[in-house]
């Protein structure tokens, strides 16, 4: 799937279906969840959008109309650094 995620840091809405990614207890980003998006889509889009220099344990939470409907943990691997 080529789901498009626009990761945001502003206040989260109370309607619609969103995905929130947190590190520890700190929410990092949220995005509206595209129809048909999978866990892999969420994790891939978040990893591409954020640069990490150490592995990071994150938690994704799906919220629909202010009610949690799914939650899982995943690890963001460090960005590959290239030297020229």
Protein backbone atom coordinates (compact mmCIF):
# COMPACT_ATOMS: atom_id res chain seq x y z
CA UNK A 1 0.00 0.00 0.00
CA UNK A 2 1.21 3.50 -0.74
CA UNK A 3 -0.58 5.17 2.17
CA UNK A 4 0.35 8.80 2.66
CA UNK A 5 0.97 9.92 6.22
CA UNK A 6 1.39 13.57 7.15
CA UNK A 7 3.03 13.46 10.57
CA UNK A 8 2.00 16.35 12.79
CA UNK A 9 2.98 17.69 16.19
CA UNK A 10 0.06 20.05 16.84
CA UNK A 11 -2.97 19.26 18.99
CA UNK A 12 -4.66 15.96 18.15
CA UNK A 13 -8.29 16.04 16.95
CA UNK A 14 -11.10 14.29 18.80
CA UNK A 15 -12.83 12.99 15.69
CA UNK A 16 -11.80 10.75 12.83
CA UNK A 17 -9.23 7.94 12.94
CA UNK A 18 -5.66 8.84 13.83
CA UNK A 19 -2.44 7.06 14.71
CA UNK A 20 -0.26 8.43 17.50
CA UNK A 21 3.37 7.37 17.88
CA UNK A 22 5.01 7.79 21.27
CA UNK A 23 8.45 7.14 22.72
CA UNK A 24 8.05 6.21 26.37
CA UNK A 25 5.26 8.43 27.68
CA UNK A 26 6.05 11.23 25.22
CA UNK A 27 3.84 11.47 22.11
CA UNK A 28 6.11 12.27 19.15
CA UNK A 29 3.81 12.61 16.15
CA UNK A 30 0.27 11.91 14.99
CA UNK A 31 -1.35 11.48 11.57
CA UNK A 32 -4.75 10.70 10.16
CA UNK A 33 -4.85 6.98 9.40
CA UNK A 34 -5.47 6.30 5.71
CA UNK A 35 -8.12 3.66 4.91
CA UNK A 36 -6.59 0.21 4.64
CA UNK A 37 -3.26 1.18 6.24
CA UNK A 38 -1.46 -1.66 8.01
CA UNK A 39 0.99 -1.76 10.92
CA UNK A 40 3.81 -2.07 8.39
CA UNK A 41 2.60 1.10 6.63
CA UNK A 42 2.52 3.04 9.91
CA UNK A 43 5.96 1.85 11.03
CA UNK A 44 7.57 2.41 7.63
CA UNK A 45 6.11 5.90 7.21
CA UNK A 46 7.12 6.94 10.73
CA UNK A 47 10.65 5.54 10.35
CA UNK A 48 11.13 7.35 7.02
CA UNK A 49 9.87 10.61 8.50
CA UNK A 50 12.06 10.68 11.62
CA UNK A 51 15.84 10.30 11.83
CA UNK A 52 17.08 8.25 14.78
CA UNK A 53 20.72 7.74 15.67
CA UNK A 54 20.05 5.05 18.25
CA UNK A 55 17.38 2.32 18.20
CA UNK A 56 14.14 3.63 19.63
CA UNK A 57 11.29 1.70 21.21
CA UNK A 58 8.00 3.27 20.17
CA UNK A 59 4.32 2.62 20.66
CA UNK A 60 1.66 3.20 18.03
CA UNK A 61 -1.92 3.80 19.13
CA UNK A 62 -4.91 3.92 16.79
CA UNK A 63 -7.66 6.23 18.04
CA UNK A 64 -11.08 6.50 16.43
CA UNK A 65 -13.39 9.28 17.62
CA UNK A 66 -11.41 9.62 20.89
CA UNK A 67 -11.49 5.86 21.68
CA UNK A 68 -8.41 3.63 21.52
CA UNK A 69 -9.02 0.74 19.13
CA UNK A 70 -5.51 -0.73 18.74
CA UNK A 71 -2.02 -0.41 20.22
CA UNK A 72 1.33 -2.07 19.56
CA UNK A 73 5.05 -1.56 20.15
CA UNK A 74 7.77 -1.40 17.52
CA UNK A 75 11.43 -0.47 17.25
CA UNK A 76 12.77 2.28 15.04
CA UNK A 77 16.18 1.30 13.76
CA UNK A 78 18.91 3.94 13.47
CA UNK A 79 19.21 5.84 10.21
CA UNK A 80 21.94 4.51 7.95
CA UNK A 81 24.70 7.07 7.84
CA UNK A 82 26.84 7.22 4.73
CA UNK A 83 30.27 8.78 4.57
CA UNK A 84 31.64 10.22 1.36
